[in-house]
Amino acid sequence: FLSTSLVLILKGQAQTGNPWIFFLLIEEALNTLDCLSACFIHAQQTRDTVSTCWVENFAVEDR
């Protein structure tokens, strides 16, 4: 999953030629992975589902 995302990001960076976009996308991807892993851990410890956790904690925060 991660390698596919990185390949797509690299292709996008090559097309735009803007290194800042590349770094922002990497950072965003890592943040998303952190949030997802936090939700998986939360879901294992409680009866919440991963999607419930995601919607309640992260989906609302549009930056």
N, C-alpha and C. Protein backbone atom coordinates (compact mmCIF):
# COMPACT_ATOMS: atom_id res chain seq x y z
N PHE A 1 0.84 -1.21 0.00
CA PHE A 1 0.00 0.00 0.00
C PHE A 1 0.87 1.25 0.00
N LEU A 2 1.80 1.30 0.94
CA LEU A 2 2.64 2.50 1.09
C LEU A 2 3.51 2.71 -0.14
N SER A 3 4.11 1.64 -0.64
CA SER A 3 5.00 1.79 -1.79
C SER A 3 4.23 2.28 -3.01
N THR A 4 3.00 1.81 -3.19
CA THR A 4 2.17 2.28 -4.30
C THR A 4 1.92 3.77 -4.18
N SER A 5 1.59 4.22 -2.98
CA SER A 5 1.34 5.64 -2.75
C SER A 5 2.59 6.46 -3.05
N LEU A 6 3.74 5.97 -2.61
CA LEU A 6 4.98 6.70 -2.84
C LEU A 6 5.31 6.79 -4.32
N VAL A 7 5.04 5.72 -5.06
CA VAL A 7 5.28 5.74 -6.50
C VAL A 7 4.39 6.78 -7.16
N LEU A 8 3.12 6.82 -6.77
CA LEU A 8 2.20 7.82 -7.33
C LEU A 8 2.65 9.22 -6.98
N ILE A 9 3.10 9.41 -5.75
CA ILE A 9 3.58 10.72 -5.31
C ILE A 9 4.82 11.12 -6.11
N LEU A 10 5.72 10.17 -6.31
CA LEU A 10 6.94 10.46 -7.09
C LEU A 10 6.60 10.84 -8.52
N LYS A 11 5.63 10.12 -9.11
CA LYS A 11 5.21 10.45 -10.47
C LYS A 11 4.62 11.85 -10.51
N GLY A 12 3.79 12.17 -9.53
CA GLY A 12 3.18 13.49 -9.46
C GLY A 12 4.24 14.58 -9.30
N GLN A 13 5.24 14.29 -8.49
CA GLN A 13 6.32 15.26 -8.25
C GLN A 13 7.12 15.47 -9.52
N ALA A 14 7.35 14.41 -10.25
CA ALA A 14 8.11 14.51 -11.49
C ALA A 14 7.35 15.35 -12.51
N GLN A 15 6.02 15.24 -12.51
CA GLN A 15 5.21 16.00 -13.46
C GLN A 15 5.15 17.47 -13.08
N THR A 16 5.00 17.76 -11.79
CA THR A 16 4.87 19.15 -11.36
C THR A 16 6.24 19.83 -11.28
N GLY A 17 7.27 19.05 -10.94
CA GLY A 17 8.60 19.62 -10.81
C GLY A 17 8.75 20.50 -9.58
N ASN A 18 7.80 20.42 -8.67
CA ASN A 18 7.84 21.25 -7.47
C ASN A 18 8.18 20.39 -6.26
N PRO A 19 9.39 20.51 -5.71
CA PRO A 19 9.78 19.67 -4.57
C PRO A 19 8.93 19.92 -3.33
N TRP A 20 8.41 21.14 -3.16
CA TRP A 20 7.60 21.42 -1.97
C TRP A 20 6.33 20.60 -1.96
N ILE A 21 5.72 20.46 -3.14
CA ILE A 21 4.51 19.64 -3.24
C ILE A 21 4.83 18.21 -2.83
N PHE A 22 5.98 17.74 -3.28
CA PHE A 22 6.42 16.39 -2.94
C PHE A 22 6.51 16.20 -1.42
N PHE A 23 7.17 17.15 -0.74
CA PHE A 23 7.34 17.03 0.71
C PHE A 23 6.00 17.14 1.44
N LEU A 24 5.14 18.02 0.96
CA LEU A 24 3.82 18.16 1.58
C LEU A 24 3.01 16.88 1.44
N LEU A 25 3.10 16.25 0.27
CA LEU A 25 2.36 15.01 0.06
C LEU A 25 2.90 13.90 0.95
N ILE A 26 4.23 13.82 1.07
CA ILE A 26 4.84 12.82 1.95
C ILE A 26 4.37 13.04 3.38
N GLU A 27 4.41 14.29 3.83
CA GLU A 27 4.00 14.61 5.19
C GLU A 27 2.53 14.25 5.41
N GLU A 28 1.70 14.58 4.44
CA GLU A 28 0.27 14.28 4.53
C GLU A 28 0.05 12.77 4.59
N ALA A 29 0.79 12.03 3.77
CA ALA A 29 0.66 10.58 3.76
C ALA A 29 1.07 9.98 5.10
N LEU A 30 2.16 10.48 5.67
CA LEU A 30 2.62 9.98 6.97
C LEU A 30 1.62 10.33 8.07
N ASN A 31 1.07 11.54 8.03
CA ASN A 31 0.05 11.93 9.01
C ASN A 31 -1.16 11.02 8.91
N THR A 32 -1.57 10.73 7.68
CA THR A 32 -2.72 9.85 7.47
C THR A 32 -2.45 8.47 8.02
N LEU A 33 -1.24 7.96 7.78
CA LEU A 33 -0.88 6.64 8.30
C LEU A 33 -0.87 6.64 9.83
N ASP A 34 -0.35 7.71 10.43
CA ASP A 34 -0.35 7.82 11.89
C ASP A 34 -1.78 7.78 12.42
N CYS A 35 -2.66 8.54 11.78
CA CYS A 35 -4.06 8.59 12.21
C CYS A 35 -4.72 7.23 12.06
N LEU A 36 -4.45 6.58 10.94
CA LEU A 36 -5.04 5.26 10.70
C LEU A 36 -4.55 4.24 11.71
N SER A 37 -3.25 4.24 11.99
CA SER A 37 -2.73 3.27 12.95
C SER A 37 -3.28 3.54 14.34
N ALA A 38 -3.44 4.82 14.68
CA ALA A 38 -4.04 5.17 15.96
C ALA A 38 -5.47 4.63 16.03
N CYS A 39 -6.19 4.74 14.92
CA CYS A 39 -7.57 4.24 14.89
C CYS A 39 -7.62 2.72 14.98
N PHE A 40 -6.68 2.04 14.35
CA PHE A 40 -6.65 0.59 14.44
C PHE A 40 -6.40 0.14 15.88
N ILE A 41 -5.46 0.81 16.55
CA ILE A 41 -5.17 0.49 17.95
C ILE A 41 -6.40 0.77 18.81
N HIS A 42 -7.03 1.93 18.58
CA HIS A 42 -8.24 2.30 19.32
C HIS A 42 -9.34 1.27 19.11
N ALA A 43 -9.51 0.83 17.87
CA ALA A 43 -10.56 -0.13 17.54
C ALA A 43 -10.32 -1.48 18.21
N GLN A 44 -9.05 -1.85 18.35
CA GLN A 44 -8.73 -3.12 19.00
C GLN A 44 -9.02 -3.05 20.50
N GLN A 45 -8.84 -1.87 21.09
CA GLN A 45 -9.01 -1.73 22.53
C GLN A 45 -10.46 -1.47 22.92
N THR A 46 -11.26 -0.99 21.98
CA THR A 46 -12.66 -0.69 22.26
C THR A 46 -13.53 -1.42 21.27
N ARG A 47 -14.82 -1.15 21.32
CA ARG A 47 -15.71 -1.80 20.35
C ARG A 47 -15.99 -0.89 19.16
N ASP A 48 -15.32 0.24 19.11
CA ASP A 48 -15.47 1.12 17.96
C ASP A 48 -14.87 0.47 16.72
N THR A 49 -15.36 0.89 15.58
CA THR A 49 -14.73 0.45 14.33
C THR A 49 -13.71 1.49 13.91
N VAL A 50 -12.82 1.09 13.03
CA VAL A 50 -11.80 2.01 12.53
C VAL A 50 -12.46 3.20 11.84
N SER A 51 -13.49 2.93 11.06
CA SER A 51 -14.14 4.03 10.32
C SER A 51 -14.82 5.01 11.26
N THR A 52 -15.43 4.52 12.34
CA THR A 52 -16.05 5.41 13.32
C THR A 52 -15.00 6.32 13.94
N CYS A 53 -13.88 5.74 14.33
CA CYS A 53 -12.78 6.50 14.91
C CYS A 53 -12.29 7.55 13.93
N TRP A 54 -12.12 7.14 12.68
CA TRP A 54 -11.61 8.05 11.65
C TRP A 54 -12.54 9.24 11.48
N VAL A 55 -13.84 8.96 11.34
CA VAL A 55 -14.82 10.03 11.12
C VAL A 55 -14.86 10.97 12.33
N GLU A 56 -14.87 10.40 13.53
CA GLU A 56 -15.00 11.22 14.74
C GLU A 56 -13.76 12.08 15.00
N ASN A 57 -12.59 11.56 14.68
CA ASN A 57 -11.36 12.24 15.08
C ASN A 57 -10.63 12.99 13.99
N PHE A 58 -10.72 12.49 12.76
CA PHE A 58 -9.83 13.04 11.74
C PHE A 58 -10.55 13.61 10.53
N ALA A 59 -11.69 13.04 10.17
CA ALA A 59 -12.36 13.47 8.94
C ALA A 59 -12.84 14.91 9.03
N VAL A 60 -13.20 15.35 10.24
CA VAL A 60 -13.71 16.71 10.41
C VAL A 60 -12.62 17.76 10.28
N GLU A 61 -11.39 17.39 10.58
CA GLU A 61 -10.30 18.37 10.60
C GLU A 61 -9.78 18.65 9.20
N ASP A 62 -10.51 19.44 8.45
CA ASP A 62 -10.02 19.85 7.14
C ASP A 62 -9.07 21.01 7.30
N ARG A 63 -7.79 20.78 6.89
CA ARG A 63 -6.80 21.84 7.04
C ARG A 63 -6.75 22.70 5.80
